[in-house]
Amino acid sequence: MKKFNYKILLLGGVMTVLAACNLEETNINPNNATDATVDILLPAAQTNIIFGTSGETGEYASILIQQMTGTLSDFQDVMNYSFLNEFFDFSWNQRLYAGALVDLETIIEKSNENGATHYRGVARILTALALGNIVDNWNDAPFSTALDLVGNPQPTYDDAADLYVEIQELLDLAIADLQLESTISPAGNDFIYRAGSQTDWVANSAPKWIKVARALKARYHNHLSKVDPTGSANDALASIRGGTFVGNEDDANIDFGADQAGPWFSFLSSTFGQNNIAVCQTFVELLRDRVAPGVDDPRIEFYLRDNGGGLYNGVPYGQIDIPSDVTLVGDYINRLAAPTNIITYTEVKFIEAEANFRLNNFGEAAEAFNEAVKSSILRVTGEANPVYEAQYASEDAASIQVNGLEKIFTEKHIALFLEPEAWVDWRRSIPAGADGTVSGIPNLAPSATNETGGVFPRRFLYPQSEIINNSSNVPPAVNTDKVFWDR
């Protein structure tokens, strides 16, 4: 692995939310990164990653795959494929770089000094997660020379493919760290796998973090499906077989609790959110009458709230007026205590299904696909749905061969409602070498007012702050360019 040395200049949002920490009692100056201890930095980094991936950029991604639609301001511009560089400043700077990556590198440095190998392992997993999101949205990005603003105020950009190698190495190192003895371990300050004590965390949370690392390894291997269809499938399956999630109880997510909402509830509860974004009619139609006329997808009443009259009405893609009887996002996501998913058992089973399908292991693909659908229904609704499962989760080795990838990507699109990974999958499902106007799965049509001639956006733009402050290193980019794994 490359050697990365960062000089930390700012804490990058350690005070964004620290419900489990009282900085006054610990006499820590939150504006001085050198003062903060690893137990203070970890929840700050986790919070920044969640808001960096599922905040503004997650909202934009949901519009691009027509789960939501933009009706005003920059959200309307995203819907029209008219991106501006300044749309991405806050997520890139405050959340992902100056926030999460700064704090995570500080945790790694302090852990090297004090033997806190468990904190280091978690920090390496979260660093891999942040880097993965950055590459998947922006392609080439600063990392090896990033964040030392005094010694190197204009960091160079690393090749995106090299960063994917780095991601896998970070995850391997993290797995090793989490199996070592540690001088101190997280407990209640781990927002993802909270524990009542360090002893409980070592016994119960550390094994789950190892599963997360292997799940993420499978995800990022699987992203290379266009680059190396066979090799990526074999690598993804090897990661899964190494030992990862075995049920919904293993899911990696953040529930901030009663004191702090996740990104979607915070956004949708504001007047700004209510006026600028709405449930897209495209997604409503995918769920409505899905089983039979008058029999909807059972997740519809959890993903969406009916309009008060028992109906689900979205806003057509391209329409900017929000009707008074529009459907709102439902309580599965739109409530104070709703967890924000990072990676789930359902996603792992879909990865397993897709990888096996690409290797012509159709029996294994069918089995994993059926389990993925069932686990999604159970997570979202709280119970099995035999009627839906008989139609959409009863594949066998023969039936899965009929439009198998369409089945896998469509069900995964539904299961990953408002998760940023859904835009990754939509882009991966576009046939390699296809014209830019060709849709992924599900089939989408641009708004009539789109500004790219019907060519779908495939990446975000570099933030305006980078264009201004680091112009000599920022690669040229337009939103219809592809990230390295998208061909």
Protein backbone atom coordinates (compact mmCIF):
# COMPACT_ATOMS: atom_id res chain seq x y z
CA MET A 1 0.00 0.00 0.00
CA LYS A 2 1.14 3.54 -0.68
CA LYS A 3 2.40 5.61 2.22
CA PHE A 4 0.04 8.50 2.95
CA ASN A 5 1.19 11.20 5.37
CA TYR A 6 -1.32 13.90 6.19
CA LYS A 7 -0.80 16.94 8.38
CA ILE A 8 -4.15 17.63 9.96
CA LEU A 9 -5.15 21.30 9.92
CA LEU A 10 -8.74 21.21 11.05
CA LEU A 11 -11.13 18.86 12.74
CA GLY A 12 -13.59 19.06 9.91
CA GLY A 13 -16.91 18.97 11.62
CA VAL A 14 -16.23 17.05 14.80
CA MET A 15 -19.08 19.00 16.38
CA THR A 16 -21.57 18.19 13.63
CA VAL A 17 -23.24 15.71 15.94
CA LEU A 18 -21.79 14.14 19.04
CA ALA A 19 -24.80 13.05 21.01
CA ALA A 20 -22.74 10.48 22.90
CA CYS A 21 -19.94 12.89 23.83
CA ASN A 22 -19.74 15.88 26.16
CA LEU A 23 -16.78 17.99 25.08
CA GLU A 24 -17.08 20.39 28.00
CA GLU A 25 -16.68 17.54 30.48
CA THR A 26 -13.63 16.18 28.68
CA ASN A 27 -12.00 19.61 28.37
CA ILE A 28 -11.31 19.13 24.68
CA ASN A 29 -11.05 22.01 22.24
CA PRO A 30 -13.14 20.78 19.27
CA ASN A 31 -11.44 23.24 16.94
CA ASN A 32 -8.01 21.72 17.45
CA ALA A 33 -7.57 18.35 15.80
CA THR A 34 -4.45 17.59 17.81
CA ASP A 35 -6.51 17.80 21.05
CA ALA A 36 -9.29 15.45 20.00
CA THR A 37 -9.07 11.82 21.02
CA VAL A 38 -10.05 8.86 18.89
CA ASP A 39 -13.32 8.34 20.77
CA ILE A 40 -14.35 11.92 19.94
CA LEU A 41 -13.22 11.74 16.32
CA LEU A 42 -14.93 8.46 15.39
CA PRO A 43 -18.59 9.55 15.68
CA ALA A 44 -17.74 12.82 13.93
CA ALA A 45 -16.21 10.94 11.00
CA GLN A 46 -19.13 8.54 10.80
CA THR A 47 -21.58 11.42 10.77
CA ASN A 48 -19.69 13.26 8.03
CA ILE A 49 -19.57 10.15 5.86
CA ILE A 50 -23.30 9.57 6.18
CA PHE A 51 -24.13 13.18 5.34
CA GLY A 52 -21.43 13.29 2.66
CA THR A 53 -22.83 10.27 0.82
CA SER A 54 -26.56 10.45 1.58
CA GLY A 55 -26.94 14.22 1.88
CA GLU A 56 -26.82 16.50 -1.15
CA THR A 57 -25.03 14.05 -3.43
CA GLY A 58 -27.42 11.28 -2.40
CA GLU A 59 -30.34 13.56 -3.17
CA TYR A 60 -28.89 14.34 -6.61
CA ALA A 61 -28.33 10.64 -7.30
CA SER A 62 -31.94 9.83 -6.41
CA ILE A 63 -33.07 12.39 -8.98
CA LEU A 64 -30.83 10.98 -11.70
CA ILE A 65 -32.38 7.51 -11.29
CA GLN A 66 -35.90 8.97 -10.99
CA GLN A 67 -36.73 7.72 -7.54
CA MET A 68 -37.16 11.43 -6.80
CA THR A 69 -37.48 14.42 -9.10
CA GLY A 70 -36.16 17.95 -8.77
CA THR A 71 -38.72 20.73 -8.86
CA LEU A 72 -36.81 23.87 -7.93
CA SER A 73 -33.34 25.40 -7.58
CA ASP A 74 -30.29 23.16 -8.10
CA PHE A 75 -32.48 20.06 -7.81
CA GLN A 76 -34.41 21.16 -10.88
CA ASP A 77 -31.09 21.76 -12.63
CA VAL A 78 -29.95 18.23 -11.78
CA MET A 79 -33.23 16.87 -13.15
CA ASN A 80 -32.49 18.78 -16.37
CA TYR A 81 -28.88 17.46 -16.41
CA SER A 82 -27.58 21.01 -16.02
CA PHE A 83 -24.93 20.65 -13.34
CA LEU A 84 -22.92 23.51 -11.85
CA ASN A 85 -19.60 22.93 -10.11
CA GLU A 86 -20.73 24.70 -6.95
CA PHE A 87 -23.43 22.07 -6.36
CA PHE A 88 -20.74 19.75 -5.03
CA ASP A 89 -18.62 22.04 -2.85
CA PHE A 90 -20.12 21.24 0.53
CA SER A 91 -20.21 17.44 0.21
CA TRP A 92 -16.68 17.27 -1.22
CA ASN A 93 -15.06 19.77 1.14
CA GLN A 94 -16.84 19.92 4.48
CA ARG A 95 -18.18 16.39 4.60
CA LEU A 96 -15.83 14.03 2.77
CA TYR A 97 -12.41 15.68 2.75
CA ALA A 98 -12.10 18.27 5.54
CA GLY A 99 -14.61 16.29 7.56
CA ALA A 100 -14.39 12.51 7.30
CA LEU A 101 -10.98 11.90 5.71
CA VAL A 102 -9.17 14.36 7.95
CA ASP A 103 -10.64 12.89 11.10
CA LEU A 104 -10.08 9.31 9.96
CA GLU A 105 -6.43 9.94 9.19
CA THR A 106 -6.05 11.51 12.63
CA ILE A 107 -7.57 8.37 14.17
CA ILE A 108 -5.12 6.20 12.24
CA GLU A 109 -2.14 8.33 13.30
CA LYS A 110 -3.16 8.40 16.95
CA SER A 111 -3.91 4.67 16.88
CA ASN A 112 -0.43 3.99 15.53
CA GLU A 113 0.94 5.86 18.53
CA ASN A 114 -1.24 4.39 21.28
CA GLY A 115 -1.96 0.88 20.01
CA ALA A 116 -5.68 1.44 19.44
CA THR A 117 -5.78 -1.10 16.62
CA HIS A 118 -9.57 -1.49 16.72
CA TYR A 119 -10.07 2.22 16.13
CA ARG A 120 -7.53 2.03 13.32
CA GLY A 121 -9.39 -0.87 11.73
CA VAL A 122 -12.71 0.95 11.78
CA ALA A 123 -11.06 4.13 10.47
CA ARG A 124 -9.55 2.22 7.55
CA ILE A 125 -12.95 0.75 6.64
CA LEU A 126 -14.55 4.19 6.73
CA THR A 127 -11.69 5.66 4.69
CA ALA A 128 -12.30 2.99 2.05
CA LEU A 129 -16.01 3.82 2.09
CA ALA A 130 -15.37 7.54 1.64
CA LEU A 131 -12.87 6.93 -1.16
CA GLY A 132 -15.26 4.55 -2.89
CA ASN A 133 -17.99 7.15 -2.88
CA ILE A 134 -15.64 9.84 -4.18
CA VAL A 135 -14.39 7.67 -7.06
CA ASP A 136 -17.88 6.42 -7.94
CA ASN A 137 -19.15 9.99 -8.18
CA TRP A 138 -16.11 11.94 -9.43
CA ASN A 139 -13.55 9.44 -10.81
CA ASP A 140 -9.92 10.64 -10.34
CA ALA A 141 -9.48 12.38 -7.00
CA PRO A 142 -6.84 13.66 -4.55
CA PHE A 143 -5.68 11.22 -1.91
CA SER A 144 -1.95 10.51 -1.82
CA THR A 145 -1.07 14.23 -1.49
CA ALA A 146 -4.36 15.49 -0.09
CA LEU A 147 -5.08 17.53 3.05
CA ASP A 148 -1.58 18.82 3.77
CA LEU A 149 -2.63 22.35 2.85
CA VAL A 150 0.51 23.97 4.26
CA GLY A 151 3.04 21.67 2.66
CA ASN A 152 0.96 20.99 -0.44
CA PRO A 153 -1.98 23.38 -0.91
CA GLN A 154 -2.63 22.06 -4.42
CA PRO A 155 -2.84 18.26 -4.18
CA THR A 156 -2.47 16.13 -7.26
CA TYR A 157 -5.20 13.80 -8.45
CA ASP A 158 -4.74 10.05 -8.16
CA ASP A 159 -5.90 7.71 -10.88
CA ALA A 160 -9.34 6.31 -10.01
CA ALA A 161 -8.33 2.72 -10.80
CA ASP A 162 -5.36 3.04 -8.44
CA LEU A 163 -7.66 4.32 -5.72
CA TYR A 164 -9.80 1.22 -6.13
CA VAL A 165 -6.70 -0.88 -5.47
CA GLU A 166 -6.05 1.26 -2.40
CA ILE A 167 -9.62 0.65 -1.20
CA GLN A 168 -9.11 -3.11 -1.27
CA GLU A 169 -5.79 -2.82 0.57
CA LEU A 170 -7.33 -0.61 3.25
CA LEU A 171 -10.08 -3.16 3.81
CA ASP A 172 -7.57 -6.01 4.08
CA LEU A 173 -5.53 -4.05 6.64
CA ALA A 174 -8.71 -3.26 8.57
CA ILE A 175 -9.65 -6.92 8.83
CA ALA A 176 -6.21 -7.67 10.25
CA ASP A 177 -6.45 -4.74 12.70
CA LEU A 178 -9.78 -5.88 14.06
CA GLN A 179 -8.36 -9.29 14.93
CA LEU A 180 -5.51 -7.83 17.01
CA GLU A 181 -5.44 -6.88 20.67
CA SER A 182 -6.19 -3.19 21.19
CA THR A 183 -5.38 -0.81 24.03
CA ILE A 184 -8.80 0.81 23.66
CA SER A 185 -11.88 -0.15 21.68
CA PRO A 186 -15.00 1.77 20.65
CA ALA A 187 -18.25 1.27 22.55
CA GLY A 188 -21.19 3.69 22.68
CA ASN A 189 -19.30 6.19 20.51
CA ASP A 190 -19.51 3.82 17.53
CA PHE A 191 -22.71 5.03 15.88
CA ILE A 192 -22.86 2.01 13.56
CA TYR A 193 -22.40 -0.91 15.97
CA ARG A 194 -22.92 0.62 19.40
CA ALA A 195 -21.99 -1.42 22.46
CA GLY A 196 -22.52 -0.93 26.17
CA SER A 197 -18.86 -1.46 26.96
CA GLN A 198 -15.54 -2.04 25.28
CA THR A 199 -15.78 -5.70 26.21
CA ASP A 200 -19.16 -5.99 24.49
CA TRP A 201 -17.80 -4.14 21.45
CA VAL A 202 -14.87 -6.55 21.08
CA ALA A 203 -17.14 -9.57 21.43
CA ASN A 204 -20.05 -8.43 19.26
CA SER A 205 -19.22 -5.32 17.21
CA ALA A 206 -15.69 -6.11 16.00
CA PRO A 207 -16.86 -9.30 14.20
CA LYS A 208 -19.59 -7.27 12.49
CA TRP A 209 -17.04 -4.69 11.34
CA ILE A 210 -15.02 -7.50 9.78
CA LYS A 211 -18.17 -8.55 7.94
CA VAL A 212 -18.61 -4.95 6.76
CA ALA A 213 -15.08 -4.92 5.37
CA ARG A 214 -15.71 -8.11 3.39
CA ALA A 215 -19.09 -6.83 2.21
CA LEU A 216 -17.46 -3.63 0.95
CA LYS A 217 -14.72 -5.66 -0.72
CA ALA A 218 -17.46 -7.54 -2.59
CA ARG A 219 -19.20 -4.28 -3.52
CA TYR A 220 -16.11 -2.65 -4.98
CA HIS A 221 -15.02 -5.80 -6.80
CA ASN A 222 -18.50 -6.04 -8.28
CA HIS A 223 -18.34 -2.44 -9.49
CA LEU A 224 -15.73 -3.63 -11.99
CA SER A 225 -18.32 -5.70 -13.87
CA LYS A 226 -17.68 -3.82 -17.13
CA VAL A 227 -13.91 -3.71 -16.70
CA ASP A 228 -13.47 -7.42 -15.97
CA PRO A 229 -16.80 -9.31 -15.89
CA THR A 230 -15.32 -12.68 -14.92
CA GLY A 231 -12.54 -11.57 -12.60
CA SER A 232 -14.74 -9.08 -10.74
CA ALA A 233 -17.39 -11.75 -10.21
CA ASN A 234 -14.89 -14.26 -8.85
CA ASP A 235 -13.32 -11.65 -6.56
CA ALA A 236 -16.70 -10.51 -5.24
CA LEU A 237 -17.72 -14.08 -4.46
CA ALA A 238 -14.39 -14.79 -2.78
CA SER A 239 -14.96 -11.83 -0.45
CA ILE A 240 -18.46 -13.03 0.39
CA ARG A 241 -17.30 -16.59 1.01
CA GLY A 242 -14.61 -15.24 3.34
CA GLY A 243 -17.39 -14.47 5.80
CA THR A 244 -19.79 -11.56 5.65
CA PHE A 245 -23.43 -10.75 6.50
CA VAL A 246 -25.72 -13.69 7.22
CA GLY A 247 -28.95 -11.76 7.89
CA ASN A 248 -30.56 -8.34 8.22
CA GLU A 249 -29.33 -8.12 11.79
CA ASP A 250 -25.80 -7.60 10.45
CA ASP A 251 -26.70 -4.52 8.38
CA ALA A 252 -24.33 -1.56 8.67
CA ASN A 253 -26.36 1.58 9.22
CA ILE A 254 -26.53 4.64 11.43
CA ASP A 255 -29.49 5.46 13.65
CA PHE A 256 -28.61 8.71 15.37
CA GLY A 257 -31.41 8.24 17.89
CA ALA A 258 -33.77 10.79 19.37
CA ASP A 259 -31.33 13.69 19.38
CA GLN A 260 -30.30 13.85 15.73
CA ALA A 261 -31.96 12.85 12.47
CA GLY A 262 -30.29 11.33 9.45
CA PRO A 263 -29.82 13.25 6.20
CA TRP A 264 -33.11 12.41 4.47
CA PHE A 265 -35.41 13.26 7.39
CA SER A 266 -33.46 16.44 8.10
CA PHE A 267 -33.82 17.51 4.47
CA LEU A 268 -37.43 16.49 3.89
CA SER A 269 -38.60 18.10 7.13
CA SER A 270 -37.42 21.51 5.96
CA THR A 271 -39.35 23.88 3.75
CA PHE A 272 -36.38 23.84 1.39
CA GLY A 273 -36.61 20.09 0.96
CA GLN A 274 -40.37 20.05 0.62
CA ASN A 275 -40.31 22.63 -2.17
CA ASN A 276 -37.26 21.44 -4.11
CA ILE A 277 -37.67 17.69 -4.45
CA ALA A 278 -40.56 15.24 -4.68
CA VAL A 279 -41.26 11.55 -5.15
CA CYS A 280 -41.00 10.77 -8.85
CA GLN A 281 -43.97 9.27 -10.70
CA THR A 282 -41.55 6.88 -12.41
CA PHE A 283 -40.81 5.16 -9.11
CA VAL A 284 -44.46 5.19 -8.04
CA GLU A 285 -45.41 3.39 -11.25
CA LEU A 286 -42.73 0.77 -10.67
CA LEU A 287 -44.31 -0.13 -7.31
CA ARG A 288 -47.97 0.34 -8.14
CA ASP A 289 -49.84 -2.74 -9.44
CA ARG A 290 -46.55 -4.61 -9.37
CA VAL A 291 -48.05 -7.92 -8.26
CA ALA A 292 -51.38 -7.62 -10.13
CA PRO A 293 -53.92 -4.90 -10.95
CA GLY A 294 -54.78 -3.36 -7.62
CA VAL A 295 -52.02 -5.25 -5.79
CA ASP A 296 -48.99 -3.04 -5.18
CA ASP A 297 -45.45 -3.87 -4.12
CA PRO A 298 -45.81 -4.40 -0.34
CA ARG A 299 -43.03 -1.88 0.31
CA ILE A 300 -44.99 0.99 -1.23
CA GLU A 301 -46.76 1.97 2.02
CA PHE A 302 -43.41 2.06 3.84
CA TYR A 303 -41.38 3.81 1.15
CA LEU A 304 -44.19 6.29 0.45
CA ARG A 305 -47.05 7.92 2.30
CA ASP A 306 -50.38 7.91 0.55
CA ASN A 307 -51.86 11.30 -0.26
CA GLY A 308 -54.56 11.05 2.40
CA GLY A 309 -57.02 9.45 0.03
CA GLY A 310 -55.34 6.08 -0.14
CA LEU A 311 -53.56 6.92 -3.41
CA TYR A 312 -49.91 7.28 -4.38
CA ASN A 313 -49.23 10.18 -6.75
CA GLY A 314 -45.73 11.20 -7.71
CA VAL A 315 -44.54 14.16 -9.78
CA PRO A 316 -43.81 13.28 -13.43
CA TYR A 317 -40.13 13.64 -14.30
CA GLY A 318 -39.68 17.09 -15.80
CA GLN A 319 -42.70 18.69 -14.13
CA ILE A 320 -41.74 21.44 -11.71
CA ASP A 321 -45.11 22.05 -10.07
CA ILE A 322 -45.79 19.91 -7.01
CA PRO A 323 -49.52 19.00 -6.78
CA SER A 324 -51.26 19.38 -3.43
CA ASP A 325 -52.08 15.66 -3.37
CA VAL A 326 -48.52 14.47 -4.02
CA THR A 327 -47.16 11.40 -2.27
CA LEU A 328 -44.43 12.01 0.31
CA VAL A 329 -41.50 9.81 1.27
CA GLY A 330 -42.69 7.26 3.82
CA ASP A 331 -41.64 6.35 7.33
CA TYR A 332 -39.09 3.74 6.31
CA ILE A 333 -36.79 6.70 5.65
CA ASN A 334 -38.73 9.86 6.51
CA ARG A 335 -38.81 9.73 10.32
CA LEU A 336 -36.51 10.94 13.05
CA ALA A 337 -35.20 7.52 14.10
CA ALA A 338 -34.92 6.03 10.60
CA PRO A 339 -31.52 4.39 10.06
CA THR A 340 -29.36 5.38 7.11
CA ASN A 341 -27.97 2.31 5.39
CA ILE A 342 -24.28 1.96 4.51
CA ILE A 343 -24.34 -1.61 3.23
CA THR A 344 -26.88 -4.33 3.97
CA TYR A 345 -27.38 -8.07 3.84
CA THR A 346 -29.83 -7.46 0.99
CA GLU A 347 -27.18 -5.71 -1.09
CA VAL A 348 -24.67 -8.49 -0.43
CA LYS A 349 -27.15 -11.12 -1.62
CA PHE A 350 -27.82 -9.11 -4.80
CA ILE A 351 -24.06 -8.90 -5.39
CA GLU A 352 -23.85 -12.65 -4.90
CA ALA A 353 -26.72 -13.18 -7.35
CA GLU A 354 -25.22 -10.93 -10.03
CA ALA A 355 -21.70 -12.34 -9.71
CA ASN A 356 -22.95 -15.92 -9.96
CA PHE A 357 -25.11 -15.01 -12.93
CA ARG A 358 -22.10 -13.58 -14.77
CA LEU A 359 -20.25 -16.84 -14.10
CA ASN A 360 -23.19 -18.93 -15.37
CA ASN A 361 -23.75 -20.36 -11.89
CA PHE A 362 -27.47 -20.03 -12.38
CA GLY A 363 -28.65 -22.17 -9.47
CA GLU A 364 -26.55 -20.17 -7.01
CA ALA A 365 -27.65 -16.92 -8.68
CA ALA A 366 -31.31 -17.82 -8.28
CA GLU A 367 -30.91 -18.81 -4.65
CA ALA A 368 -29.10 -15.58 -3.75
CA PHE A 369 -31.59 -13.48 -5.71
CA ASN A 370 -34.57 -15.02 -3.94
CA GLU A 371 -32.98 -14.37 -0.57
CA ALA A 372 -32.15 -10.77 -1.52
CA VAL A 373 -35.77 -10.02 -2.37
CA LYS A 374 -37.11 -11.76 0.74
CA SER A 375 -34.69 -9.97 3.04
CA SER A 376 -35.67 -6.60 1.55
CA ILE A 377 -39.38 -7.27 2.07
CA LEU A 378 -38.69 -8.35 5.65
CA ARG A 379 -36.49 -5.35 6.46
CA VAL A 380 -38.87 -2.78 5.04
CA THR A 381 -42.25 -4.21 6.04
CA GLY A 382 -41.36 -6.30 9.08
CA GLU A 383 -42.86 -9.51 7.70
CA ALA A 384 -42.70 -11.90 4.78
CA ASN A 385 -45.08 -11.49 1.85
CA PRO A 386 -45.80 -14.90 0.29
CA VAL A 387 -47.78 -13.43 -2.62
CA TYR A 388 -44.98 -11.11 -3.71
CA GLU A 389 -42.32 -13.72 -3.08
CA ALA A 390 -44.16 -16.31 -5.16
CA GLN A 391 -43.91 -13.97 -8.14
CA TYR A 392 -40.59 -12.22 -7.61
CA ALA A 393 -38.53 -14.46 -5.30
CA SER A 394 -39.09 -17.95 -6.62
CA GLU A 395 -36.44 -18.21 -9.32
CA ASP A 396 -34.62 -21.43 -10.16
CA ALA A 397 -31.61 -22.24 -12.33
CA ALA A 398 -33.73 -22.26 -15.49
CA SER A 399 -36.00 -19.27 -14.88
CA ILE A 400 -33.22 -16.91 -13.78
CA GLN A 401 -31.64 -17.25 -17.22
CA VAL A 402 -34.63 -15.46 -18.75
CA ASN A 403 -33.85 -11.74 -18.43
CA GLY A 404 -31.83 -12.53 -15.33
CA LEU A 405 -29.84 -9.30 -15.12
CA GLU A 406 -32.97 -7.23 -15.65
CA LYS A 407 -34.62 -9.08 -12.76
CA ILE A 408 -31.59 -8.59 -10.52
CA PHE A 409 -31.07 -4.90 -11.28
CA THR A 410 -34.78 -4.04 -11.10
CA GLU A 411 -35.34 -5.67 -7.73
CA LYS A 412 -32.11 -4.18 -6.41
CA HIS A 413 -33.21 -0.74 -7.60
CA ILE A 414 -36.39 -1.10 -5.54
CA ALA A 415 -34.59 -2.54 -2.53
CA LEU A 416 -32.02 0.28 -2.45
CA PHE A 417 -34.57 3.10 -2.41
CA LEU A 418 -32.77 6.41 -1.80
CA GLU A 419 -29.40 4.70 -1.26
CA PRO A 420 -26.52 6.18 -3.33
CA GLU A 421 -25.45 2.72 -4.48
CA ALA A 422 -28.58 2.58 -6.68
CA TRP A 423 -27.08 5.14 -9.10
CA VAL A 424 -23.89 3.06 -9.31
CA ASP A 425 -25.94 0.02 -10.29
CA TRP A 426 -28.00 1.92 -12.85
CA ARG A 427 -24.82 3.05 -14.60
CA ARG A 428 -23.28 -0.42 -14.43
CA SER A 429 -26.39 -1.91 -16.03
CA ILE A 430 -25.92 0.17 -19.19
CA PRO A 431 -24.31 -2.13 -21.78
CA ALA A 432 -20.59 -1.45 -22.24
CA GLY A 433 -19.95 0.72 -25.27
CA ALA A 434 -23.58 1.78 -25.61
CA ASP A 435 -24.51 5.23 -26.86
CA GLY A 436 -24.89 7.84 -24.13
CA THR A 437 -28.63 8.00 -24.69
CA VAL A 438 -29.08 4.32 -23.78
CA SER A 439 -30.67 3.79 -20.36
CA GLY A 440 -29.66 1.42 -17.63
CA ILE A 441 -32.07 -0.75 -15.65
CA PRO A 442 -34.79 0.27 -15.01
CA ASN A 443 -35.43 1.96 -18.31
CA LEU A 444 -35.55 5.74 -17.85
CA ALA A 445 -36.32 8.63 -20.17
CA PRO A 446 -34.75 12.08 -19.70
CA SER A 447 -36.98 15.05 -18.99
CA ALA A 448 -38.17 16.91 -22.08
CA THR A 449 -36.21 19.94 -20.87
CA ASN A 450 -32.87 18.14 -20.45
CA GLU A 451 -29.79 20.09 -21.56
CA THR A 452 -27.54 17.26 -22.79
CA GLY A 453 -29.43 16.20 -25.89
CA GLY A 454 -30.80 13.18 -24.08
CA VAL A 455 -27.37 11.89 -22.99
CA PHE A 456 -27.54 10.62 -19.41
CA PRO A 457 -25.15 12.08 -16.81
CA ARG A 458 -22.63 9.50 -15.63
CA ARG A 459 -20.64 11.47 -13.03
CA PHE A 460 -20.60 14.61 -10.87
CA LEU A 461 -18.54 17.71 -11.58
CA TYR A 462 -15.53 18.72 -9.53
CA PRO A 463 -16.47 21.41 -7.01
CA GLN A 464 -16.01 25.07 -7.78
CA SER A 465 -13.53 25.47 -4.95
CA GLU A 466 -11.25 22.94 -6.67
CA ILE A 467 -11.57 24.76 -9.99
CA ILE A 468 -10.55 28.01 -8.31
CA ASN A 469 -7.85 26.82 -5.91
CA ASN A 470 -6.37 23.80 -7.66
CA SER A 471 -7.01 24.41 -11.33
CA SER A 472 -3.62 23.10 -12.48
CA ASN A 473 -4.44 19.63 -11.15
CA VAL A 474 -8.19 19.28 -11.67
CA PRO A 475 -8.92 17.06 -14.69
CA PRO A 476 -11.36 18.39 -17.29
CA ALA A 477 -14.83 16.89 -16.84
CA VAL A 478 -18.42 17.19 -18.01
CA ASN A 479 -21.33 15.36 -16.46
CA THR A 480 -21.72 12.95 -19.39
CA ASP A 481 -18.16 11.63 -18.93
CA LYS A 482 -17.83 8.20 -17.34
CA VAL A 483 -15.95 7.09 -14.26
CA PHE A 484 -13.27 4.50 -14.90
CA TRP A 485 -15.43 1.40 -14.29
CA ASP A 486 -18.24 2.67 -16.53
CA ARG A 487 -17.60 1.86 -20.19
